[in-house]
Protein backbone atom coordinates (compact mmCIF):
# COMPACT_ATOMS: atom_id res chain seq x y z
CA MET A 1 -0.18 -0.51 0.27
CA GLY A 2 3.04 1.97 0.63
CA ARG A 3 4.75 1.74 -2.38
CA MET A 4 1.92 2.84 -4.15
CA PHE A 5 1.37 6.05 -2.60
CA LEU A 6 5.02 6.76 -3.15
CA GLY A 7 4.78 5.68 -6.73
CA LEU A 8 1.51 8.86 -7.10
CA PHE A 9 3.41 11.06 -4.68
CA LEU A 10 6.79 10.56 -7.09
CA GLY A 11 5.29 11.09 -10.96
CA LEU A 12 3.12 13.72 -9.37
CA VAL A 13 6.29 15.19 -8.73
CA LEU A 14 7.90 14.84 -11.63
CA SER A 15 4.90 15.88 -13.77
CA GLY A 16 5.17 19.22 -11.53
CA VAL A 17 9.09 19.44 -11.57
CA GLY A 18 8.58 19.23 -16.34
CA ILE A 19 5.41 21.75 -16.37
CA PHE A 20 7.97 23.88 -14.76
CA TRP A 21 10.57 23.39 -16.47
CA TRP A 22 8.62 23.61 -20.32
CA GLN A 23 7.08 26.90 -18.82
CA GLY A 24 11.15 28.03 -18.11
CA ARG A 25 11.31 27.01 -21.76
CA ALA A 26 8.93 28.97 -23.66
CA GLN A 27 9.43 32.41 -21.22
CA VAL A 28 13.14 32.32 -22.72
CA GLU A 29 11.91 31.31 -25.88
CA GLN A 30 9.01 34.38 -26.12
CA ASN A 31 11.99 36.97 -24.81
CA ALA A 32 15.12 35.95 -27.02
CA PRO A 33 16.08 38.54 -29.67
CA PRO A 34 14.95 38.61 -32.90
CA PRO A 35 15.83 36.52 -35.83
CA PRO A 36 19.07 39.03 -37.82
CA GLU A 37 18.15 40.02 -41.08
CA ALA A 38 19.07 38.55 -44.19
CA GLU A 39 21.20 41.24 -45.73
CA ASP A 40 23.02 41.44 -42.37
CA ALA A 41 23.84 37.78 -42.17
CA ALA A 42 26.81 37.78 -44.60
CA PRO A 43 28.37 40.23 -46.41
CA ALA A 44 28.69 40.97 -50.15
CA PRO A 45 30.86 39.32 -52.43
CA GLU A 46 32.53 43.41 -53.40
CA GLU A 47 32.73 43.62 -49.50
CA LEU A 48 35.21 40.32 -48.58
CA PRO A 49 38.76 41.58 -48.17
CA ILE A 50 40.91 40.58 -50.67
CA THR A 51 44.46 38.86 -49.00
CA ASP A 52 47.25 37.38 -50.00
CA PRO A 53 47.59 34.41 -49.01
CA GLY A 54 51.68 33.84 -49.06
CA GLU A 55 51.51 36.93 -45.92
CA MET A 56 49.14 34.05 -44.17
CA GLU A 57 49.89 32.33 -41.36
CA GLY A 58 48.63 29.87 -39.75
CA PRO A 59 47.96 28.72 -36.02
CA THR A 60 51.09 26.71 -34.81
CA PRO A 61 50.24 22.68 -34.88
CA PRO A 62 49.83 21.16 -30.82
CA GLU A 63 52.75 20.03 -29.85
CA ALA A 64 52.61 16.13 -29.15
CA SER A 65 51.06 15.00 -25.90
CA GLU A 66 52.62 12.64 -23.37
CA LEU A 67 50.47 9.57 -22.77
CA THR A 68 48.62 8.99 -19.99
CA ARG A 69 49.29 6.39 -17.82
CA GLU A 70 46.60 4.71 -18.06
CA GLN A 71 46.68 5.09 -21.50
CA ARG A 72 50.76 3.92 -21.51
CA ARG A 73 48.90 1.14 -19.37
CA PHE A 74 46.36 -0.05 -22.70
CA PHE A 75 48.57 0.11 -24.84
CA ARG A 76 50.26 -2.66 -22.98
CA TYR A 77 48.23 -4.91 -23.30
CA ASP A 78 46.53 -4.01 -27.50
CA ARG A 79 49.25 -5.85 -28.80
CA ASN A 80 47.78 -4.99 -32.48
CA ARG A 81 46.92 -1.31 -31.57
CA ASP A 82 43.33 -1.61 -32.59
CA LEU A 83 42.18 0.10 -29.34
CA THR A 84 40.21 -2.91 -28.30
CA ILE A 85 41.76 -5.51 -25.90
CA THR A 86 40.94 -9.43 -26.96
CA ARG A 87 41.12 -12.32 -24.23
CA ASN A 88 44.08 -13.65 -26.35
CA GLU A 89 46.02 -10.04 -25.69
CA MET A 90 44.60 -9.81 -21.91
CA LEU A 91 46.30 -13.45 -20.90
CA SER A 92 49.19 -13.06 -23.23
CA THR A 93 51.15 -10.63 -20.80
CA ARG A 94 50.65 -13.23 -17.99
CA SER A 95 51.83 -16.25 -19.66
CA ASP A 96 55.89 -15.72 -19.17
CA ALA A 97 54.85 -15.32 -15.16
CA PHE A 98 52.72 -19.38 -15.74
CA ARG A 99 55.67 -20.71 -17.40
CA LYS A 100 57.54 -19.79 -14.51
CA LEU A 101 55.48 -21.49 -11.83
CA ASP A 102 54.21 -24.66 -13.73
CA VAL A 103 57.57 -26.42 -13.34
CA ASP A 104 55.96 -29.63 -14.77
CA GLY A 105 55.03 -27.93 -18.40
CA ASN A 106 51.30 -29.48 -18.37
CA ASN A 107 49.93 -26.28 -17.94
CA LEU A 108 48.14 -26.63 -15.14
CA LEU A 109 48.82 -24.88 -12.31
CA THR A 110 48.64 -27.30 -9.27
CA PHE A 111 48.81 -25.90 -5.56
CA GLU A 112 52.26 -27.39 -4.95
CA GLU A 113 53.94 -25.93 -7.15
CA TRP A 114 52.43 -23.00 -6.41
CA ALA A 115 53.75 -23.66 -2.71
CA VAL A 116 57.06 -24.29 -3.76
CA THR A 117 57.67 -21.12 -5.66
CA THR A 118 56.42 -19.36 -2.64
CA ALA A 119 58.58 -21.27 -0.51
CA ASN A 120 61.93 -20.49 -2.61
CA ARG A 121 61.01 -16.96 -2.44
CA PHE A 122 59.97 -16.90 1.64
CA ASP A 123 64.00 -18.88 1.45
CA GLY A 124 65.57 -16.70 -0.36
CA ALA A 125 64.53 -13.82 1.68
CA ASP A 126 64.95 -14.97 5.07
CA VAL A 127 68.34 -14.23 5.55
CA ASP A 128 68.88 -15.66 9.02
CA GLY A 129 67.18 -18.87 8.57
CA ASN A 130 65.12 -18.33 11.28
CA GLY A 131 61.62 -19.40 9.56
CA GLN A 132 60.80 -15.46 9.72
CA LEU A 133 61.05 -12.30 7.88
CA THR A 134 61.58 -9.00 9.72
CA GLN A 135 60.38 -6.07 8.36
CA SER A 136 63.96 -5.24 6.15
CA GLU A 137 63.65 -9.41 4.88
CA PHE A 138 59.93 -8.90 3.64
CA ARG A 139 61.11 -5.77 2.23
CA THR A 140 63.26 -7.59 -0.54
CA THR A 141 60.82 -9.90 -1.25
CA ALA A 142 58.92 -6.48 -3.31
CA ARG A 143 59.18 -6.05 -6.73
CA PRO A 144 61.98 -3.06 -7.36
CA ALA A 145 60.13 -0.05 -8.85
CA PRO A 146 60.99 0.34 -12.55
CA SER A 147 63.63 3.44 -13.30
CA ASN A 148 63.01 5.55 -16.83
CA THR A 149 66.28 4.49 -17.73
CA THR A 150 65.63 1.12 -16.89
CA ARG A 151 62.10 1.77 -18.69
CA ARG A 152 63.94 3.12 -21.71
CA ASN A 153 66.35 0.07 -22.68
CA ASN A 154 63.42 -2.11 -22.77
CA CYS A 155 61.40 -0.43 -25.13
CA ARG A 156 60.56 -2.70 -28.42
CA CYS A 157 59.30 0.60 -29.81
């Protein structure tokens, strides 16, 4: 019952808003200035200025803008540059990392294969061998931030 009254109330409110909007547009159109006369719209051909195109200079072309971070990320996946990313393009960037984890090469990643890789990473970071990572040891497990020089050297442009 309450929904019915709510629907009726909202219908009346929307109708009222529509009527006020319609009347407001009509007021603006009534007070608009008259259109220009046809004589004033375009100058006669004899009134046009004559210029020498050799002396004219156009605006300078805009500088090439740097791609945004999101555009660079998009184009890392869009291999054929057709401005769409297919499923194969999206998965192709992950295949090398998957092959490193898939030890037996059967294209199935089992928990054991993932666990061995994770355990090896943990053992490599645990410098003192006590089975626990301190904050400084854990910091070594993070990927290094790519530097600009490394990114330029690895460019496949």
